[in-house]
């Protein structure tokens, strides 16, 4: 989970979201361009509160169909698509 201090360091107004700490080589996340240090703030149109919230929402979806994540990075907001194309 993202704590208040880390959120401030990343320039975020809220500690809601999930901090990406590692990305597995060759994973769908790496192929989508997700990098450690990014913060997942939305899954589709839904705001993500914490890791548990993200896990619950992802468990109801199919990565085969694909998902859209909104992320905050050091360069600003970014939208990425994860799934098989």
Protein backbone atom coordinates (compact mmCIF):
# COMPACT_ATOMS: atom_id res chain seq x y z
CA UNK A 1 0.00 0.00 0.00
CA UNK A 2 0.98 3.58 -0.53
CA UNK A 3 1.66 5.55 2.64
CA UNK A 4 1.22 9.32 3.08
CA UNK A 5 4.96 10.07 3.09
CA UNK A 6 5.62 8.17 -0.14
CA UNK A 7 2.57 9.79 -1.74
CA UNK A 8 3.97 13.24 -0.90
CA UNK A 9 7.40 12.30 -2.29
CA UNK A 10 5.72 11.24 -5.53
CA UNK A 11 3.75 14.48 -5.71
CA UNK A 12 0.37 12.84 -5.07
CA UNK A 13 -2.44 14.49 -3.13
CA UNK A 14 -3.70 11.18 -1.76
CA UNK A 15 -2.28 7.93 -0.43
CA UNK A 16 -4.90 5.96 -2.35
CA UNK A 17 -3.48 3.71 -5.03
CA UNK A 18 -0.94 0.93 -5.33
CA UNK A 19 2.79 1.56 -5.56
CA UNK A 20 4.50 -0.73 -8.06
CA UNK A 21 7.69 -1.94 -6.40
CA UNK A 22 8.85 -4.54 -8.94
CA UNK A 23 7.86 -5.69 -12.40
CA UNK A 24 8.57 -9.24 -13.52
CA UNK A 25 10.63 -9.55 -16.70
CA UNK A 26 8.61 -10.72 -19.66
CA UNK A 27 5.30 -10.09 -17.87
CA UNK A 28 2.26 -8.40 -19.39
CA UNK A 29 2.98 -5.46 -17.07
CA UNK A 30 6.53 -5.05 -18.39
CA UNK A 31 5.30 -5.36 -21.97
CA UNK A 32 2.77 -2.59 -21.26
CA UNK A 33 5.58 -0.33 -20.03
CA UNK A 34 4.74 -0.39 -16.32
CA UNK A 35 7.79 0.45 -14.21
CA UNK A 36 8.69 0.24 -10.55
CA UNK A 37 7.84 3.52 -8.83
CA UNK A 38 4.58 3.98 -10.72
CA UNK A 39 1.33 4.23 -8.76
CA UNK A 40 -1.82 2.51 -10.04
CA UNK A 41 -4.70 4.88 -9.31
CA UNK A 42 -7.50 3.48 -11.50
CA UNK A 43 -8.59 0.18 -12.98
CA UNK A 44 -10.92 1.05 -15.82
CA UNK A 45 -13.02 3.91 -14.43
CA UNK A 46 -12.75 2.75 -10.80
CA UNK A 47 -10.38 4.43 -8.36
CA UNK A 48 -8.08 2.01 -6.56
CA UNK A 49 -7.77 2.43 -2.79
CA UNK A 50 -5.10 -0.14 -1.93
CA UNK A 51 -3.57 -3.51 -2.85
CA UNK A 52 -6.56 -5.49 -1.56
CA UNK A 53 -8.96 -3.38 -3.61
CA UNK A 54 -6.86 -3.89 -6.76
CA UNK A 55 -6.61 -7.65 -6.19
CA UNK A 56 -10.36 -7.99 -5.68
CA UNK A 57 -11.17 -6.02 -8.80
CA UNK A 58 -8.62 -7.89 -10.93
CA UNK A 59 -9.94 -11.26 -9.75
CA UNK A 60 -13.27 -10.43 -11.38
CA UNK A 61 -11.71 -9.56 -14.74
CA UNK A 62 -9.99 -11.47 -17.52
CA UNK A 63 -6.59 -10.33 -18.67
CA UNK A 64 -7.40 -12.13 -21.92
CA UNK A 65 -10.02 -9.44 -22.50
CA UNK A 66 -7.57 -6.79 -21.29
CA UNK A 67 -7.68 -4.10 -18.63
CA UNK A 68 -6.93 -0.40 -18.66
CA UNK A 69 -4.93 1.11 -15.80
CA UNK A 70 -4.41 4.77 -15.02
CA UNK A 71 -1.07 5.36 -13.38
CA UNK A 72 0.93 8.20 -11.92
CA UNK A 73 4.59 8.20 -12.83
CA UNK A 74 7.43 10.62 -12.32
CA UNK A 75 6.40 12.09 -15.69
CA UNK A 76 2.70 12.54 -14.86
CA UNK A 77 -0.44 10.52 -15.51
CA UNK A 78 -0.37 7.63 -17.93
CA UNK A 79 -2.96 5.15 -19.21
CA UNK A 80 -1.80 1.63 -20.08
CA UNK A 81 -3.54 -1.38 -21.54
CA UNK A 82 -2.65 -4.85 -20.23
CA UNK A 83 -3.85 -7.96 -21.98
CA UNK A 84 -3.32 -10.14 -24.99
CA UNK A 85 -3.87 -8.38 -28.26
